[in-house]
Protein backbone atom coordinates (compact mmCIF):
# COMPACT_ATOMS: atom_id res chain seq x y z
CA MET A 1 68.11 66.67 -115.81
CA ARG A 2 68.60 68.23 -112.35
CA VAL A 3 65.24 70.42 -113.07
CA ALA A 4 63.60 66.82 -113.43
CA LYS A 5 65.18 65.03 -110.54
CA ILE A 6 63.86 68.02 -108.61
CA LEU A 7 60.01 68.31 -109.53
CA ARG A 8 59.87 64.45 -108.80
CA PRO A 9 59.90 64.44 -105.25
CA ILE A 10 57.76 67.67 -105.69
CA ALA A 11 55.37 65.83 -107.53
CA VAL A 12 55.13 62.83 -105.60
CA ALA A 13 54.21 64.99 -102.06
CA VAL A 14 51.72 66.16 -104.27
CA VAL A 15 50.12 62.86 -105.17
CA SER A 16 50.54 61.61 -101.41
CA LEU A 17 48.71 64.90 -100.17
CA VAL A 18 45.95 64.12 -102.68
CA ALA A 19 45.51 60.34 -101.82
CA MET A 20 45.32 61.78 -98.05
CA ALA A 21 42.84 64.30 -98.74
CA PRO A 22 39.61 61.72 -98.52
CA LEU A 23 40.56 60.14 -95.49
CA ALA A 24 40.80 63.61 -93.45
CA SER A 25 36.84 64.03 -94.81
CA ARG A 26 35.72 60.72 -93.90
CA ALA A 27 36.72 61.47 -90.33
CA ASP A 28 34.24 60.32 -87.87
CA THR A 29 31.48 62.81 -86.03
CA VAL A 30 31.72 63.34 -82.59
CA VAL A 31 28.27 62.59 -81.05
CA LYS A 32 28.62 63.38 -77.34
CA ILE A 33 26.20 61.27 -74.99
CA GLY A 34 25.60 62.48 -71.84
CA PHE A 35 25.33 60.90 -68.50
CA ALA A 36 24.84 61.32 -64.54
CA ALA A 37 24.16 59.45 -61.71
CA PRO A 38 26.26 59.33 -58.21
CA LEU A 39 29.62 58.61 -59.11
CA THR A 40 30.91 59.00 -55.40
CA GLY A 41 29.18 58.80 -52.32
CA PRO A 42 26.96 56.15 -50.75
CA ASN A 43 25.36 55.82 -54.31
CA ALA A 44 28.42 55.54 -55.87
CA ASN A 45 28.07 51.55 -57.05
CA TYR A 46 24.68 51.57 -58.50
CA GLY A 47 26.70 54.83 -60.37
CA LYS A 48 29.30 53.07 -61.87
CA ASP A 49 27.21 50.17 -62.51
CA LEU A 50 24.82 52.14 -64.62
CA GLU A 51 28.12 53.93 -66.15
CA ASN A 52 29.39 50.82 -67.38
CA GLY A 53 25.92 49.58 -69.01
CA VAL A 54 26.27 53.02 -70.82
CA LYS A 55 30.40 52.48 -72.14
CA MET A 56 29.30 48.73 -72.97
CA ALA A 57 26.53 50.17 -75.37
CA LEU A 58 28.78 52.98 -76.79
CA ASP A 59 31.80 50.35 -77.28
CA ASP A 60 29.37 47.90 -78.96
CA ALA A 61 28.23 50.71 -81.77
CA LYS A 62 31.78 51.33 -82.37
CA ALA A 63 32.01 47.73 -83.15
CA GLN A 64 28.99 47.71 -85.45
CA GLY A 65 30.77 50.75 -87.44
CA VAL A 66 27.18 52.64 -86.06
CA LYS A 67 26.69 55.51 -88.62
CA ILE A 68 24.59 58.37 -88.80
CA ASN A 69 22.82 60.12 -91.85
CA GLY A 70 25.23 58.02 -94.19
CA GLN A 71 27.91 59.60 -92.15
CA PRO A 72 30.19 56.89 -89.46
CA VAL A 73 30.16 58.50 -85.87
CA SER A 74 32.02 58.80 -83.07
CA PHE A 75 30.53 58.49 -79.55
CA GLN A 76 31.67 60.68 -76.91
CA LEU A 77 31.04 59.66 -73.21
CA ILE A 78 30.05 62.82 -71.21
CA ALA A 79 29.91 61.87 -67.28
CA GLN A 80 28.82 63.75 -64.61
CA ASP A 81 28.89 63.04 -60.83
CA ASP A 82 25.84 64.30 -59.41
CA GLN A 83 26.49 62.49 -55.69
CA ALA A 84 22.65 61.67 -55.59
CA ASP A 85 22.05 65.35 -54.58
CA PRO A 86 18.83 67.24 -55.95
CA ARG A 87 21.63 70.69 -56.30
CA ILE A 88 24.12 69.10 -57.48
CA GLY A 89 21.76 67.23 -60.12
CA VAL A 90 20.54 70.55 -61.26
CA GLN A 91 23.86 71.79 -61.87
CA VAL A 92 25.37 69.03 -63.59
CA ALA A 93 22.22 68.86 -65.36
CA GLN A 94 23.06 72.41 -67.02
CA LYS A 95 26.72 71.78 -67.66
CA LEU A 96 25.42 68.79 -70.03
CA VAL A 97 22.95 71.02 -71.67
CA ASP A 98 26.38 73.26 -71.79
CA GLU A 99 28.49 70.68 -73.34
CA ASN A 100 25.72 70.48 -75.89
CA VAL A 101 25.17 66.39 -75.63
CA ALA A 102 22.79 65.18 -78.07
CA VAL A 103 21.03 63.48 -75.35
CA VAL A 104 21.08 62.50 -71.50
CA VAL A 105 21.19 58.73 -70.00
CA GLY A 106 20.52 59.48 -66.28
CA HIS A 107 20.06 60.08 -63.52
CA PHE A 108 20.10 57.02 -60.75
CA ASN A 109 18.00 58.66 -58.07
CA SER A 110 14.42 59.97 -58.80
CA GLY A 111 15.26 62.77 -55.92
CA THR A 112 17.63 64.17 -59.04
CA THR A 113 16.23 63.14 -61.82
CA ILE A 114 12.94 65.01 -61.27
CA PRO A 115 14.34 68.25 -60.87
CA ALA A 116 16.97 67.55 -63.50
CA SER A 117 14.45 66.63 -65.86
CA ASN A 118 12.78 70.20 -65.58
CA LEU A 119 15.93 72.33 -67.02
CA TYR A 120 16.21 69.64 -69.67
CA GLU A 121 12.77 70.32 -70.62
CA LYS A 122 13.55 73.68 -71.15
CA ALA A 123 16.74 72.61 -73.16
CA GLY A 124 14.40 71.07 -75.24
CA LEU A 125 16.96 67.53 -74.73
CA PRO A 126 15.74 64.82 -74.61
CA VAL A 127 16.60 62.45 -71.28
CA ILE A 128 16.40 58.35 -71.06
CA ASP A 129 16.20 57.35 -67.67
CA PRO A 130 17.61 53.96 -66.45
CA ALA A 131 16.68 53.85 -63.30
CA ALA A 132 14.92 56.75 -61.40
CA THR A 133 10.74 54.85 -60.73
CA ASN A 134 8.80 57.46 -59.06
CA PRO A 135 5.66 58.22 -61.09
CA THR A 136 6.24 62.02 -61.29
CA ILE A 137 9.07 61.71 -63.43
CA SER A 138 6.70 60.60 -66.72
CA GLY A 139 3.67 62.42 -65.12
CA ARG A 140 3.99 65.71 -65.95
CA GLY A 141 3.53 65.91 -69.50
CA PHE A 142 7.14 66.42 -70.44
CA LYS A 143 7.69 65.40 -74.03
CA ASN A 144 11.53 64.98 -73.22
CA ILE A 145 11.34 62.33 -70.70
CA PHE A 146 11.80 58.81 -71.84
CA MET A 147 11.89 55.86 -69.33
CA VAL A 148 13.30 52.11 -69.92
CA ILE A 149 12.92 51.27 -66.58
CA SER A 150 9.10 50.31 -64.89
CA SER A 151 7.70 53.00 -62.86
CA ASP A 152 7.22 52.72 -59.33
CA ALA A 153 3.03 52.87 -60.13
CA GLN A 154 3.78 49.50 -62.02
CA ASN A 155 6.71 48.11 -59.78
CA ALA A 156 5.38 48.84 -56.45
CA GLY A 157 1.68 48.91 -57.57
CA THR A 158 2.31 45.20 -58.25
CA ALA A 159 3.62 44.10 -55.29
CA GLY A 160 0.69 45.75 -53.32
CA ALA A 161 -1.70 43.71 -55.72
CA TYR A 162 0.34 40.50 -54.73
CA ALA A 163 0.33 41.04 -51.10
CA VAL A 164 -3.11 41.07 -51.06
CA GLU A 165 -4.31 38.77 -53.84
CA THR A 166 -1.17 36.41 -53.48
CA THR A 167 0.05 36.42 -50.46
CA LYS A 168 -3.27 36.66 -48.56
CA ALA A 169 -1.96 39.06 -45.97
CA LYS A 170 -3.85 40.74 -43.44
CA ARG A 171 -2.06 42.97 -41.43
CA ILE A 172 0.14 45.28 -43.85
CA ALA A 173 2.20 47.95 -42.35
CA VAL A 174 5.08 50.17 -44.34
CA ILE A 175 8.31 52.02 -43.82
CA ASP A 176 9.62 54.68 -46.06
CA ASP A 177 12.95 56.72 -46.15
CA ARG A 178 10.76 59.79 -47.65
CA THR A 179 13.02 60.10 -50.54
CA ALA A 180 11.26 60.47 -53.96
CA PHE A 181 12.41 56.55 -54.61
CA GLY A 182 11.28 55.40 -51.10
CA GLN A 183 8.04 57.51 -50.21
CA GLY A 184 6.82 56.44 -54.32
CA GLU A 185 6.91 53.30 -53.83
CA ALA A 186 5.54 53.22 -50.54
CA ASP A 187 2.75 55.40 -51.66
CA GLU A 188 2.12 52.95 -54.97
CA PHE A 189 1.86 50.01 -52.71
CA VAL A 190 -0.21 51.67 -50.23
CA LYS A 191 -2.60 52.59 -52.79
CA ALA A 192 -2.26 49.62 -54.58
CA VAL A 193 -2.96 47.33 -51.48
CA LYS A 194 -5.92 49.28 -50.54
CA ALA A 195 -7.32 49.29 -54.16
CA HIS A 196 -7.14 45.19 -53.71
CA GLY A 197 -9.13 45.76 -50.36
CA GLY A 198 -6.22 45.11 -48.08
CA ASN A 199 -5.85 46.47 -44.86
CA ILE A 200 -2.73 48.88 -43.71
CA ILE A 201 -2.19 48.95 -40.17
CA ASP A 202 0.52 51.35 -39.82
CA HIS A 203 2.78 53.65 -41.97
CA GLU A 204 6.13 54.72 -40.52
CA TYR A 205 8.79 56.66 -41.67
CA THR A 206 12.41 57.23 -41.39
CA THR A 207 15.37 59.26 -43.54
CA ASN A 208 17.93 57.98 -45.94
CA GLN A 209 20.67 59.05 -43.76
CA ALA A 210 19.20 56.87 -40.46
CA THR A 211 20.80 54.10 -38.91
CA ASP A 212 18.97 53.46 -36.40
CA PHE A 213 15.34 52.36 -37.29
CA LYS A 214 14.23 50.27 -33.46
CA THR A 215 11.70 53.25 -32.65
CA GLN A 216 9.84 52.77 -36.27
CA LEU A 217 10.02 48.64 -36.02
CA THR A 218 9.00 48.45 -31.93
CA ASN A 219 5.96 50.23 -33.25
CA LEU A 220 5.56 48.07 -35.83
CA LYS A 221 5.83 44.89 -33.99
CA ALA A 222 3.36 46.03 -31.40
CA LYS A 223 0.79 45.82 -33.82
CA ASN A 224 1.73 42.83 -34.77
CA PRO A 225 2.09 43.09 -38.34
CA ASP A 226 2.29 39.65 -41.23
CA VAL A 227 3.83 41.59 -44.08
CA ILE A 228 6.36 44.91 -43.73
CA PHE A 229 6.62 46.53 -46.84
CA VAL A 230 9.76 48.59 -46.86
CA GLY A 231 10.47 51.69 -49.33
CA ALA A 232 14.23 52.84 -49.03
CA LEU A 233 17.09 53.01 -50.98
CA ASN A 234 20.32 51.09 -49.28
CA PRO A 235 21.43 50.69 -46.96
CA GLN A 236 18.32 51.87 -44.95
CA ALA A 237 16.67 49.02 -46.41
CA ALA A 238 19.24 46.36 -45.45
CA GLY A 239 19.35 48.16 -42.06
CA ILE A 240 15.61 47.54 -41.65
CA MET A 241 16.05 44.07 -42.38
CA LYS A 242 18.94 43.41 -40.20
CA GLN A 243 17.19 45.22 -37.28
CA MET A 244 13.76 43.27 -37.83
CA ASN A 245 15.91 40.58 -36.98
CA GLN A 246 17.45 41.06 -33.97
CA LEU A 247 14.05 42.53 -32.70
CA GLY A 248 12.51 39.06 -33.49
CA ILE A 249 9.96 40.50 -35.83
CA LYS A 250 8.55 37.91 -37.63
CA ALA A 251 6.56 39.71 -40.14
CA GLN A 252 7.50 39.28 -43.93
CA TYR A 253 10.05 41.58 -45.33
CA VAL A 254 8.88 43.06 -48.79
CA GLY A 255 11.40 45.39 -50.80
CA GLY A 256 11.12 47.22 -53.71
CA GLY A 257 14.56 47.56 -56.55
CA GLY A 258 17.50 46.99 -55.18
CA VAL A 259 17.09 44.63 -52.20
CA LYS A 260 18.55 41.40 -53.64
CA ASP A 261 21.88 43.31 -54.69
CA ILE A 262 24.68 41.65 -53.58
CA ASP A 263 25.75 44.88 -51.84
CA PHE A 264 22.23 44.73 -50.00
CA ILE A 265 22.67 41.30 -48.47
CA LYS A 266 26.22 42.40 -47.28
CA LEU A 267 24.71 44.93 -45.30
CA ALA A 268 21.91 43.03 -43.95
CA GLY A 269 23.76 40.08 -43.18
CA ASP A 270 21.57 36.85 -43.15
CA VAL A 271 18.67 37.49 -45.09
CA SER A 272 15.33 36.78 -43.71
CA GLU A 273 13.91 33.24 -44.75
CA GLY A 274 10.71 34.06 -46.38
CA ALA A 275 11.55 37.61 -47.26
CA MET A 276 10.13 38.95 -50.88
CA ALA A 277 11.64 41.65 -53.38
CA TRP A 278 10.05 42.98 -56.26
CA GLU A 279 12.65 44.33 -58.83
CA TYR A 280 12.66 46.20 -62.04
CA GLY A 281 12.67 44.21 -65.07
CA ARG A 282 13.00 40.15 -65.58
CA PRO A 283 16.30 38.26 -64.67
CA LEU A 284 19.26 38.44 -66.66
CA ASP A 285 19.76 34.50 -66.85
CA SER A 286 16.19 34.27 -68.01
CA THR A 287 17.25 35.03 -71.58
CA PRO A 288 19.95 33.84 -73.33
CA VAL A 289 20.41 37.90 -74.59
CA GLY A 290 20.60 38.57 -70.87
CA ALA A 291 22.83 35.75 -69.87
CA LYS A 292 25.21 36.60 -72.70
CA PHE A 293 25.23 40.11 -71.74
CA ALA A 294 25.97 38.96 -67.93
CA ASP A 295 29.05 37.04 -69.28
CA ARG A 296 30.46 39.89 -71.75
CA PHE A 297 29.92 42.18 -68.79
CA LYS A 298 31.89 40.21 -66.28
CA GLN A 299 34.67 39.61 -68.79
CA LYS A 300 34.81 43.47 -69.53
CA PHE A 301 34.85 45.03 -66.23
CA GLY A 302 35.83 42.28 -63.63
CA GLU A 303 33.32 42.20 -61.55
CA ASP A 304 29.44 41.08 -61.71
CA VAL A 305 26.21 43.51 -63.11
CA LEU A 306 25.00 45.07 -59.79
CA SER A 307 21.58 46.19 -61.05
CA TYR A 308 20.91 48.82 -63.75
CA ALA A 309 23.72 48.44 -65.79
CA PRO A 310 21.23 46.67 -68.65
CA PHE A 311 18.83 49.39 -68.41
CA GLY A 312 21.80 51.67 -68.76
CA TYR A 313 22.54 50.05 -71.92
CA ASP A 314 19.18 49.79 -73.64
CA ALA A 315 18.76 53.40 -72.61
CA THR A 316 21.73 54.54 -74.86
CA TRP A 317 20.77 52.14 -77.85
CA ALA A 318 17.07 53.59 -77.81
CA ALA A 319 18.86 57.27 -78.70
CA ILE A 320 21.07 55.46 -80.95
CA LYS A 321 18.15 53.90 -82.74
CA ALA A 322 16.31 57.11 -83.05
CA MET A 323 19.23 59.23 -84.31
CA GLN A 324 19.76 56.10 -86.78
CA ALA A 325 15.92 56.32 -87.75
CA ALA A 326 15.67 59.96 -88.07
CA ASN A 327 19.32 60.12 -89.72
CA SER A 328 19.91 63.19 -87.23
CA THR A 329 21.38 63.79 -83.72
CA ASN A 330 19.20 66.55 -83.38
CA PRO A 331 16.89 66.30 -80.87
CA ASP A 332 14.33 67.84 -82.75
CA ASP A 333 14.80 65.46 -85.84
CA TYR A 334 15.28 62.25 -83.55
CA ARG A 335 12.63 62.86 -80.74
CA PRO A 336 9.64 62.11 -82.71
CA LYS A 337 11.51 58.34 -83.16
CA LEU A 338 12.19 57.89 -79.52
CA GLN A 339 8.32 58.45 -78.86
CA SER A 340 7.44 55.32 -81.53
CA ILE A 341 10.69 53.42 -81.25
CA SER A 342 10.23 50.03 -80.30
CA PHE A 343 12.88 47.09 -80.18
CA ASP A 344 13.50 44.30 -78.25
CA GLY A 345 16.56 45.11 -75.80
CA ILE A 346 18.65 43.54 -72.78
CA THR A 347 15.65 43.80 -70.44
CA GLY A 348 12.82 43.44 -72.52
CA HIS A 349 10.88 44.99 -75.25
CA ILE A 350 11.19 48.99 -75.20
CA GLU A 351 8.59 50.68 -76.51
CA PHE A 352 7.21 53.91 -74.95
CA ASN A 353 3.61 54.87 -73.86
CA PRO A 354 2.73 58.92 -75.04
CA ASP A 355 3.63 59.87 -71.24
CA GLY A 356 7.33 58.54 -72.08
CA SER A 357 7.02 55.86 -69.54
CA LEU A 358 7.46 52.46 -70.39
CA LYS A 359 5.21 50.17 -72.39
CA ASN A 360 4.14 46.71 -71.21
CA GLY A 361 7.28 46.80 -68.24
CA SER A 362 7.87 44.14 -66.44
CA SER A 363 8.67 43.31 -62.65
CA THR A 364 9.93 39.89 -61.01
CA VAL A 365 9.39 38.75 -57.71
CA TYR A 366 11.83 37.41 -55.70
CA GLN A 367 11.84 34.92 -52.33
CA VAL A 368 14.85 33.86 -49.96
CA LYS A 369 14.22 30.25 -49.72
CA ASN A 370 16.98 28.13 -47.57
CA GLY A 371 19.47 31.01 -47.59
CA GLN A 372 19.08 32.10 -51.04
CA TRP A 373 17.15 34.74 -53.27
CA VAL A 374 15.08 32.43 -55.97
CA THR A 375 12.95 34.20 -59.00
CA VAL A 376 9.31 33.37 -58.13
CA LYS A 377 7.25 34.95 -61.15
CA THR A 378 8.06 37.81 -63.34
CA VAL A 379 4.78 39.86 -64.08
CA SER A 380 4.93 41.63 -67.62
CA GLY A 381 2.90 44.02 -69.46
CA LEU A 382 2.50 46.40 -66.85
């Protein structure tokens, strides 16, 4: 009897261990999702906005119990701060490669995305671009670059055609900050204006560190433009609008992505009546899915979408859906699925051209009326 009493606890312990074994074997597979953007410095607000979009996508994937090749997965976000600096951008790209991430969502600035994507291409690591828009990004024949946002050729090019054909501007001037983003926007705008028979009367330049634009604006004022296109990052774009008003320049302000952001409005002060902004994608409140995303984002993070969070969300889901379709997180396996992916996202339909650029992207023009930005029209199928 004493032997039986001793054996009984041992048997119970063995049964317990056997019962626990299947649970251990079902542990989720960890899938690392790389992310890079400026998380400190002047562009940190955009970087955090993007990161929150990615976090929201990963949280939704967890809530849905996403599986890859029939196995439950746990997505781990590996975020890096590139400080909007091309040199640091390459350094953090190498860190993400060394971390053996399955994909990279990023970067924010074209100036960091272009050199970083060279490294990702050599490493055979797909990068899904949610914000950088210079056409060079998808124009080099890389097989690992994909964009869920319209390029400058699509967005600023449409703005140039609109200035000539719809606005009927006769004397068009341009100022840009010489960044990969600002210059890219300006060059595509000028190209489109000329292609549609428009007249560029002057092109002035500044930098992304400048705070005084009066010399350039005084030069432009003397030439009496009816439209001034501004290709620049905030806060330079906002500073240019503010100083245009101070100098009494009556030309219509036309800006690219980010102009109608709340931060721009704060920096510019009173936005100029009639000013126009060409933004990437469609308005969030134009579709039920977009409006719902905006509400969920506000509830989750306690603040409104700044600008690019929906693109970060769609970029993350593009990667997840491609991995699911391939039943693999190996880039060699899921890359072909990325190249043929097709789904409706928050920002619109996600599908890629052979060069990785967004197929049938969209841009929306806004205009200031009675002191408020209002939607004029969305142009799709770019």
